[in-house]
Amino acid sequence: MQTEHLELVYRCVPWAKIHSITGDKAHWRRRKVIELVSKGLTQAQIARKIGWSYSTVKREIYEIRKTCKIRSK
Protein backbone atom coordinates (compact mmCIF):
# COMPACT_ATOMS: atom_id res chain seq x y z
CA MET A 1 0.00 0.00 0.00
CA GLN A 2 1.45 3.33 -1.05
CA THR A 3 0.91 6.33 1.17
CA GLU A 4 0.54 9.71 -0.49
CA HIS A 5 2.33 12.58 1.23
CA LEU A 6 0.58 15.92 1.29
CA GLU A 7 2.12 19.31 1.88
CA LEU A 8 0.16 22.18 3.41
CA VAL A 9 1.09 25.47 1.78
CA TYR A 10 0.04 28.53 3.75
CA ARG A 11 0.59 32.02 2.46
CA CYS A 12 -0.55 35.04 4.41
CA VAL A 13 -2.38 37.16 1.86
CA PRO A 14 -3.27 40.67 3.01
CA TRP A 15 -6.67 41.70 1.67
CA ALA A 16 -5.77 45.36 1.85
CA LYS A 17 -2.63 47.29 1.07
CA ILE A 18 -2.17 48.00 4.75
CA HIS A 19 0.21 45.53 6.36
CA SER A 20 0.08 46.28 10.05
CA ILE A 21 1.08 44.76 13.36
CA THR A 22 -2.34 43.10 13.43
CA GLY A 23 -1.57 41.29 10.17
CA ASP A 24 1.80 40.14 11.49
CA LYS A 25 0.17 38.87 14.68
CA ALA A 26 -2.46 36.92 12.73
CA HIS A 27 0.26 35.44 10.52
CA TRP A 28 2.24 34.34 13.59
CA ARG A 29 -0.88 32.79 15.20
CA ARG A 30 -1.71 30.82 12.06
CA ARG A 31 1.86 29.52 11.72
CA LYS A 32 1.76 28.41 15.37
CA VAL A 33 -1.57 26.63 14.87
CA ILE A 34 -0.26 24.86 11.75
CA GLU A 35 2.83 23.75 13.66
CA LEU A 36 0.79 22.29 16.54
CA VAL A 37 -1.84 20.66 14.32
CA SER A 38 0.94 18.96 12.36
CA LYS A 39 2.13 17.48 15.68
CA GLY A 40 -1.31 15.94 16.12
CA LEU A 41 -2.79 18.23 18.78
CA THR A 42 -6.53 18.85 18.84
CA GLN A 43 -8.07 22.33 18.86
CA ALA A 44 -8.74 22.10 22.60
CA GLN A 45 -5.15 20.96 23.31
CA ILE A 46 -3.77 23.83 21.22
CA ALA A 47 -5.91 26.33 23.11
CA ARG A 48 -4.68 25.02 26.47
CA LYS A 49 -1.03 24.82 25.37
CA ILE A 50 -0.87 28.37 24.01
CA GLY A 51 -3.33 29.95 26.43
CA TRP A 52 -5.83 31.09 23.84
CA SER A 53 -9.56 30.55 23.92
CA TYR A 54 -10.98 27.60 22.02
CA SER A 55 -12.91 30.00 19.76
CA THR A 56 -9.67 31.79 18.77
CA VAL A 57 -8.06 28.51 17.73
CA LYS A 58 -11.20 27.48 15.86
CA ARG A 59 -11.31 30.85 14.05
CA GLU A 60 -7.63 30.60 13.06
CA ILE A 61 -8.12 27.09 11.67
CA TYR A 62 -11.10 28.35 9.66
CA GLU A 63 -8.97 31.17 8.21
CA ILE A 64 -6.12 28.77 7.44
CA ARG A 65 -8.49 26.48 5.54
CA LYS A 66 -9.74 29.46 3.50
CA THR A 67 -6.24 30.54 2.49
CA CYS A 68 -4.28 27.29 2.18
CA LYS A 69 -3.53 25.00 -0.66
CA ILE A 70 -2.68 21.32 -0.32
CA ARG A 71 -0.15 19.85 -2.72
CA SER A 72 0.96 16.27 -3.24
CA LYS A 73 4.65 15.71 -2.70
PDB file of N, CA and C in Angstrom:
ATOM      1  N   MET A   1       0.841  -1.180   0.000  1.00  0.00           N
ATOM      2  CA  MET A   1       0.000   0.000   0.000  1.00  0.00           C
ATOM      3  C   MET A   1       0.882   1.239   0.000  1.00  0.00           C
ATOM      4  N   GLN A   2       0.643   2.121  -0.928  1.00  0.00           N
ATOM      5  CA  GLN A   2       1.449   3.329  -1.053  1.00  0.00           C
ATOM      6  C   GLN A   2       0.732   4.485  -0.369  1.00  0.00           C
ATOM      7  N   THR A   3       1.474   5.196   0.463  1.00  0.00           N
ATOM      8  CA  THR A   3       0.914   6.333   1.168  1.00  0.00           C
ATOM      9  C   THR A   3       1.278   7.608   0.421  1.00  0.00           C
ATOM     10  N   GLU A   4       0.298   8.447   0.188  1.00  0.00           N
ATOM     11  CA  GLU A   4       0.542   9.708  -0.491  1.00  0.00           C
ATOM     12  C   GLU A   4       0.874  10.771   0.550  1.00  0.00           C
ATOM     13  N   HIS A   5       1.939  11.518   0.322  1.00  0.00           N
ATOM     14  CA  HIS A   5       2.333  12.583   1.230  1.00  0.00           C
ATOM     15  C   HIS A   5       1.749  13.891   0.735  1.00  0.00           C
ATOM     16  N   LEU A   6       1.161  14.636   1.644  1.00  0.00           N
ATOM     17  CA  LEU A   6       0.579  15.921   1.293  1.00  0.00           C
ATOM     18  C   LEU A   6       1.354  17.031   1.986  1.00  0.00           C
ATOM     19  N   GLU A   7       1.428  18.155   1.332  1.00  0.00           N
ATOM     20  CA  GLU A   7       2.119  19.314   1.883  1.00  0.00           C
ATOM     21  C   GLU A   7       1.107  20.439   2.003  1.00  0.00           C
ATOM     22  N   LEU A   8       1.047  21.052   3.175  1.00  0.00           N
ATOM     23  CA  LEU A   8       0.162  22.180   3.410  1.00  0.00           C
ATOM     24  C   LEU A   8       0.926  23.451   3.092  1.00  0.00           C
ATOM     25  N   VAL A   9       0.420  24.237   2.177  1.00  0.00           N
ATOM     26  CA  VAL A   9       1.086  25.473   1.785  1.00  0.00           C
ATOM     27  C   VAL A   9       0.222  26.629   2.264  1.00  0.00           C
ATOM     28  N   TYR A  10       0.770  27.387   3.194  1.00  0.00           N
ATOM     29  CA  TYR A  10       0.038  28.531   3.749  1.00  0.00           C
ATOM     30  C   TYR A  10       0.751  29.808   3.361  1.00  0.00           C
ATOM     31  N   ARG A  11       0.030  30.720   2.811  1.00  0.00           N
ATOM     32  CA  ARG A  11       0.585  32.016   2.464  1.00  0.00           C
ATOM     33  C   ARG A  11      -0.341  33.086   3.030  1.00  0.00           C
ATOM     34  N   CYS A  12       0.234  33.956   3.831  1.00  0.00           N
ATOM     35  CA  CYS A  12      -0.553  35.041   4.405  1.00  0.00           C
ATOM     36  C   CYS A  12      -0.794  36.068   3.313  1.00  0.00           C
ATOM     37  N   VAL A  13      -2.034  36.241   2.930  1.00  0.00           N
ATOM     38  CA  VAL A  13      -2.376  37.164   1.863  1.00  0.00           C
ATOM     39  C   VAL A  13      -3.148  38.336   2.452  1.00  0.00           C
ATOM     40  N   PRO A  14      -2.536  39.519   2.488  1.00  0.00           N
ATOM     41  CA  PRO A  14      -3.274  40.666   3.008  1.00  0.00           C
ATOM     42  C   PRO A  14      -4.361  41.079   2.022  1.00  0.00           C
ATOM     43  N   TRP A  15      -5.555  41.315   2.539  1.00  0.00           N
ATOM     44  CA  TRP A  15      -6.670  41.700   1.669  1.00  0.00           C
ATOM     45  C   TRP A  15      -6.662  43.193   1.378  1.00  0.00           C
ATOM     46  N   ALA A  16      -5.893  43.924   2.099  1.00  0.00           N
ATOM     47  CA  ALA A  16      -5.774  45.357   1.854  1.00  0.00           C
ATOM     48  C   ALA A  16      -4.292  45.680   1.668  1.00  0.00           C
ATOM     49  N   LYS A  17      -4.013  46.897   1.257  1.00  0.00           N
ATOM     50  CA  LYS A  17      -2.626  47.289   1.068  1.00  0.00           C
ATOM     51  C   LYS A  17      -1.943  47.569   2.400  1.00  0.00           C
ATOM     52  N   ILE A  18      -2.724  47.692   3.438  1.00  0.00           N
ATOM     53  CA  ILE A  18      -2.172  48.002   4.752  1.00  0.00           C
ATOM     54  C   ILE A  18      -1.663  46.720   5.392  1.00  0.00           C
ATOM     55  N   HIS A  19      -0.365  46.682   5.674  1.00  0.00           N
ATOM     56  CA  HIS A  19       0.208  45.530   6.359  1.00  0.00           C
ATOM     57  C   HIS A  19       0.643  46.030   7.734  1.00  0.00           C
ATOM     58  N   SER A  20      -0.142  45.703   8.731  1.00  0.00           N
ATOM     59  CA  SER A  20       0.078  46.276  10.047  1.00  0.00           C
ATOM     60  C   SER A  20       0.543  45.232  11.039  1.00  0.00           C
ATOM     61  N   ILE A  21       0.714  45.671  12.264  1.00  0.00           N
ATOM     62  CA  ILE A  21       1.077  44.763  13.356  1.00  0.00           C
ATOM     63  C   ILE A  21       0.003  43.699  13.523  1.00  0.00           C
ATOM     64  N   THR A  22      -1.247  44.061  13.325  1.00  0.00           N
ATOM     65  CA  THR A  22      -2.343  43.098  13.433  1.00  0.00           C
ATOM     66  C   THR A  22      -2.173  41.968  12.427  1.00  0.00           C
ATOM     67  N   GLY A  23      -1.801  42.304  11.199  1.00  0.00           N
ATOM     68  CA  GLY A  23      -1.571  41.286  10.173  1.00  0.00           C
ATOM     69  C   GLY A  23      -0.425  40.368  10.530  1.00  0.00           C
ATOM     70  N   ASP A  24       0.646  40.944  11.073  1.00  0.00           N
ATOM     71  CA  ASP A  24       1.798  40.143  11.491  1.00  0.00           C
ATOM     72  C   ASP A  24       1.419  39.195  12.622  1.00  0.00           C
ATOM     73  N   LYS A  25       0.602  39.689  13.549  1.00  0.00           N
ATOM     74  CA  LYS A  25       0.169  38.866  14.683  1.00  0.00           C
ATOM     75  C   LYS A  25      -0.692  37.703  14.204  1.00  0.00           C
ATOM     76  N   ALA A  26      -1.607  37.978  13.273  1.00  0.00           N
ATOM     77  CA  ALA A  26      -2.463  36.916  12.732  1.00  0.00           C
ATOM     78  C   ALA A  26      -1.616  35.883  11.999  1.00  0.00           C
ATOM     79  N   HIS A  27      -0.629  36.341  11.254  1.00  0.00           N
ATOM     80  CA  HIS A  27       0.256  35.438  10.520  1.00  0.00           C
ATOM     81  C   HIS A  27       1.001  34.533  11.506  1.00  0.00           C
ATOM     82  N   TRP A  28       1.535  35.119  12.570  1.00  0.00           N
ATOM     83  CA  TRP A  28       2.244  34.337  13.590  1.00  0.00           C
ATOM     84  C   TRP A  28       1.313  33.313  14.228  1.00  0.00           C
ATOM     85  N   ARG A  29       0.080  33.717  14.571  1.00  0.00           N
ATOM     86  CA  ARG A  29      -0.882  32.792  15.197  1.00  0.00           C
ATOM     87  C   ARG A  29      -1.168  31.619  14.280  1.00  0.00           C
ATOM     88  N   ARG A  30      -1.373  31.891  13.008  1.00  0.00           N
ATOM     89  CA  ARG A  30      -1.707  30.819  12.063  1.00  0.00           C
ATOM     90  C   ARG A  30      -0.529  29.874  11.874  1.00  0.00           C
ATOM     91  N   ARG A  31       0.670  30.386  11.815  1.00  0.00           N
ATOM     92  CA  ARG A  31       1.856  29.523  11.718  1.00  0.00           C
ATOM     93  C   ARG A  31       1.968  28.622  12.950  1.00  0.00           C
ATOM     94  N   LYS A  32       1.692  29.184  14.133  1.00  0.00           N
ATOM     95  CA  LYS A  32       1.764  28.413  15.374  1.00  0.00           C
ATOM     96  C   LYS A  32       0.711  27.310  15.375  1.00  0.00           C
ATOM     97  N   VAL A  33      -0.504  27.626  14.930  1.00  0.00           N
ATOM     98  CA  VAL A  33      -1.571  26.628  14.873  1.00  0.00           C
ATOM     99  C   VAL A  33      -1.198  25.515  13.900  1.00  0.00           C
ATOM    100  N   ILE A  34      -0.673  25.869  12.735  1.00  0.00           N
ATOM    101  CA  ILE A  34      -0.262  24.859  11.750  1.00  0.00           C
ATOM    102  C   ILE A  34       0.801  23.941  12.351  1.00  0.00           C
ATOM    103  N   GLU A  35       1.761  24.535  13.038  1.00  0.00           N
ATOM    104  CA  GLU A  35       2.831  23.747  13.661  1.00  0.00           C
ATOM    105  C   GLU A  35       2.263  22.737  14.657  1.00  0.00           C
ATOM    106  N   LEU A  36       1.333  23.170  15.508  1.00  0.00           N
ATOM    107  CA  LEU A  36       0.794  22.286  16.542  1.00  0.00           C
ATOM    108  C   LEU A  36      -0.177  21.249  15.976  1.00  0.00           C
ATOM    109  N   VAL A  37      -0.943  21.629  14.963  1.00  0.00           N
ATOM    110  CA  VAL A  37      -1.837  20.664  14.318  1.00  0.00           C
ATOM    111  C   VAL A  37      -1.021  19.571  13.641  1.00  0.00           C
ATOM    112  N   SER A  38       0.103  19.960  13.032  1.00  0.00           N
ATOM    113  CA  SER A  38       0.941  18.958  12.360  1.00  0.00           C
ATOM    114  C   SER A  38       1.571  17.989  13.356  1.00  0.00           C
ATOM    115  N   LYS A  39       1.643  18.378  14.628  1.00  0.00           N
ATOM    116  CA  LYS A  39       2.133  17.484  15.676  1.00  0.00           C
ATOM    117  C   LYS A  39       1.033  16.581  16.222  1.00  0.00           C
ATOM    118  N   GLY A  40      -0.208  16.805  15.740  1.00  0.00           N
ATOM    119  CA  GLY A  40      -1.310  15.940  16.120  1.00  0.00           C
ATOM    120  C   GLY A  40      -2.173  16.448  17.259  1.00  0.00           C
ATOM    121  N   LEU A  41      -1.988  17.686  17.684  1.00  0.00           N
ATOM    122  CA  LEU A  41      -2.792  18.226  18.776  1.00  0.00           C
ATOM    123  C   LEU A  41      -4.189  18.593  18.286  1.00  0.00           C
ATOM    124  N   THR A  42      -5.166  18.457  19.164  1.00  0.00           N
ATOM    125  CA  THR A  42      -6.533  18.852  18.841  1.00  0.00           C
ATOM    126  C   THR A  42      -6.686  20.350  19.076  1.00  0.00           C
ATOM    127  N   GLN A  43      -7.811  20.904  18.657  1.00  0.00           N
ATOM    128  CA  GLN A  43      -8.066  22.326  18.858  1.00  0.00           C
ATOM    129  C   GLN A  43      -8.063  22.679  20.344  1.00  0.00           C
ATOM    130  N   ALA A  44      -8.686  21.844  21.160  1.00  0.00           N
ATOM    131  CA  ALA A  44      -8.736  22.095  22.603  1.00  0.00           C
ATOM    132  C   ALA A  44      -7.339  22.032  23.219  1.00  0.00           C
ATOM    133  N   GLN A  45      -6.521  21.085  22.790  1.00  0.00           N
ATOM    134  CA  GLN A  45      -5.150  20.964  23.306  1.00  0.00           C
ATOM    135  C   GLN A  45      -4.305  22.174  22.912  1.00  0.00           C
ATOM    136  N   ILE A  46      -4.496  22.642  21.683  1.00  0.00           N
ATOM    137  CA  ILE A  46      -3.766  23.826  21.221  1.00  0.00           C
ATOM    138  C   ILE A  46      -4.147  25.035  22.061  1.00  0.00           C
ATOM    139  N   ALA A  47      -5.435  25.196  22.301  1.00  0.00           N
ATOM    140  CA  ALA A  47      -5.910  26.331  23.106  1.00  0.00           C
ATOM    141  C   ALA A  47      -5.290  26.301  24.502  1.00  0.00           C
ATOM    142  N   ARG A  48      -5.270  25.143  25.135  1.00  0.00           N
ATOM    143  CA  ARG A  48      -4.679  25.025  26.470  1.00  0.00           C
ATOM    144  C   ARG A  48      -3.174  25.273  26.440  1.00  0.00           C
ATOM    145  N   LYS A  49      -2.494  24.707  25.451  1.00  0.00           N
ATOM    146  CA  LYS A  49      -1.030  24.816  25.368  1.00  0.00           C
ATOM    147  C   LYS A  49      -0.584  26.273  25.186  1.00  0.00           C
ATOM    148  N   ILE A  50      -1.273  27.009  24.324  1.00  0.00           N
ATOM    149  CA  ILE A  50      -0.870  28.374  24.011  1.00  0.00           C
ATOM    150  C   ILE A  50      -1.514  29.394  24.955  1.00  0.00           C
ATOM    151  N   GLY A  51      -2.645  29.022  25.533  1.00  0.00           N
ATOM    152  CA  GLY A  51      -3.327  29.954  26.429  1.00  0.00           C
ATOM    153  C   GLY A  51      -4.351  30.831  25.726  1.00  0.00           C
ATOM    154  N   TRP A  52      -4.792  30.375  24.576  1.00  0.00           N
ATOM    155  CA  TRP A  52      -5.834  31.094  23.840  1.00  0.00           C
ATOM    156  C   TRP A  52      -7.174  30.464  24.154  1.00  0.00           C
ATOM    157  N   SER A  53      -8.238  31.156  23.778  1.00  0.00           N
ATOM    158  CA  SER A  53      -9.559  30.552  23.918  1.00  0.00           C
ATOM    159  C   SER A  53      -9.757  29.546  22.783  1.00  0.00           C
ATOM    160  N   TYR A  54     -10.656  28.618  23.033  1.00  0.00           N
ATOM    161  CA  TYR A  54     -10.979  27.603  22.019  1.00  0.00           C
ATOM    162  C   TYR A  54     -11.509  28.277  20.759  1.00  0.00           C
ATOM    163  N   SER A  55     -12.318  29.329  20.929  1.00  0.00           N
ATOM    164  CA  SER A  55     -12.906  29.999  19.761  1.00  0.00           C
ATOM    165  C   SER A  55     -11.835  30.689  18.910  1.00  0.00           C
ATOM    166  N   THR A  56     -10.765  31.183  19.531  1.00  0.00           N
ATOM    167  CA  THR A  56      -9.668  31.793  18.772  1.00  0.00           C
ATOM    168  C   THR A  56      -8.980  30.749  17.908  1.00  0.00           C
ATOM    169  N   VAL A  57      -8.702  29.591  18.484  1.00  0.00           N
ATOM    170  CA  VAL A  57      -8.056  28.511  17.732  1.00  0.00           C
ATOM    171  C   VAL A  57      -8.967  28.067  16.589  1.00  0.00           C
ATOM    172  N   LYS A  58     -10.242  27.904  16.882  1.00  0.00           N
ATOM    173  CA  LYS A  58     -11.202  27.484  15.862  1.00  0.00           C
ATOM    174  C   LYS A  58     -11.264  28.503  14.717  1.00  0.00           C
ATOM    175  N   ARG A  59     -11.270  29.787  15.061  1.00  0.00           N
ATOM    176  CA  ARG A  59     -11.310  30.851  14.046  1.00  0.00           C
ATOM    177  C   ARG A  59     -10.037  30.841  13.191  1.00  0.00           C
ATOM    178  N   GLU A  60      -8.884  30.637  13.813  1.00  0.00           N
ATOM    179  CA  GLU A  60      -7.630  30.604  13.061  1.00  0.00           C
ATOM    180  C   GLU A  60      -7.594  29.414  12.106  1.00  0.00           C
ATOM    181  N   ILE A  61      -8.074  28.269  12.545  1.00  0.00           N
ATOM    182  CA  ILE A  61      -8.117  27.090  11.669  1.00  0.00           C
ATOM    183  C   ILE A  61      -9.055  27.341  10.494  1.00  0.00           C
ATOM    184  N   TYR A  62     -10.169  27.999  10.745  1.00  0.00           N
ATOM    185  CA  TYR A  62     -11.102  28.351   9.662  1.00  0.00           C
ATOM    186  C   TYR A  62     -10.402  29.255   8.641  1.00  0.00           C
ATOM    187  N   GLU A  63      -9.671  30.263   9.115  1.00  0.00           N
ATOM    188  CA  GLU A  63      -8.971  31.175   8.210  1.00  0.00           C
ATOM    189  C   GLU A  63      -7.855  30.456   7.447  1.00  0.00           C
ATOM    190  N   ILE A  64      -7.174  29.550   8.109  1.00  0.00           N
ATOM    191  CA  ILE A  64      -6.123  28.773   7.438  1.00  0.00           C
ATOM    192  C   ILE A  64      -6.727  27.953   6.308  1.00  0.00           C
ATOM    193  N   ARG A  65      -7.838  27.305   6.579  1.00  0.00           N
ATOM    194  CA  ARG A  65      -8.491  26.483   5.537  1.00  0.00           C
ATOM    195  C   ARG A  65      -8.926  27.322   4.349  1.00  0.00           C
ATOM    196  N   LYS A  66      -9.323  28.574   4.591  1.00  0.00           N
ATOM    197  CA  LYS A  66      -9.738  29.462   3.499  1.00  0.00           C
ATOM    198  C   LYS A  66      -8.563  29.871   2.627  1.00  0.00           C
ATOM    199  N   THR A  67      -7.374  29.975   3.215  1.00  0.00           N
ATOM    200  CA  THR A  67      -6.241  30.542   2.486  1.00  0.00           C
ATOM    201  C   THR A  67      -5.161  29.542   2.109  1.00  0.00           C
ATOM    202  N   CYS A  68      -5.329  28.277   2.448  1.00  0.00           N
ATOM    203  CA  CYS A  68      -4.284  27.286   2.176  1.00  0.00           C
ATOM    204  C   CYS A  68      -4.532  26.516   0.903  1.00  0.00           C
ATOM    205  N   LYS A  69      -3.462  25.940   0.457  1.00  0.00           N
ATOM    206  CA  LYS A  69      -3.529  25.000  -0.662  1.00  0.00           C
ATOM    207  C   LYS A  69      -2.820  23.735  -0.219  1.00  0.00           C
ATOM    208  N   ILE A  70      -3.309  22.599  -0.652  1.00  0.00           N
ATOM    209  CA  ILE A  70      -2.681  21.323  -0.324  1.00  0.00           C
ATOM    210  C   ILE A  70      -2.107  20.749  -1.606  1.00  0.00           C
ATOM    211  N   ARG A  71      -0.812  20.408  -1.542  1.00  0.00           N
ATOM    212  CA  ARG A  71      -0.147  19.848  -2.717  1.00  0.00           C
ATOM    213  C   ARG A  71       0.354  18.448  -2.389  1.00  0.00           C
ATOM    214  N   SER A  72       0.348  17.602  -3.392  1.00  0.00           N
ATOM    215  CA  SER A  72       0.959  16.275  -3.245  1.00  0.00           C
ATOM    216  C   SER A  72       2.459  16.419  -3.404  1.00  0.00           C
ATOM    217  N   LYS A  73       3.181  15.677  -2.592  1.00  0.00           N
ATOM    218  CA  LYS A  73       4.655  15.712  -2.703  1.00  0.00           C
ATOM    219  C   LYS A  73       5.117  14.684  -3.704  1.00  0.00           C
TER     220      LYS A  73
END
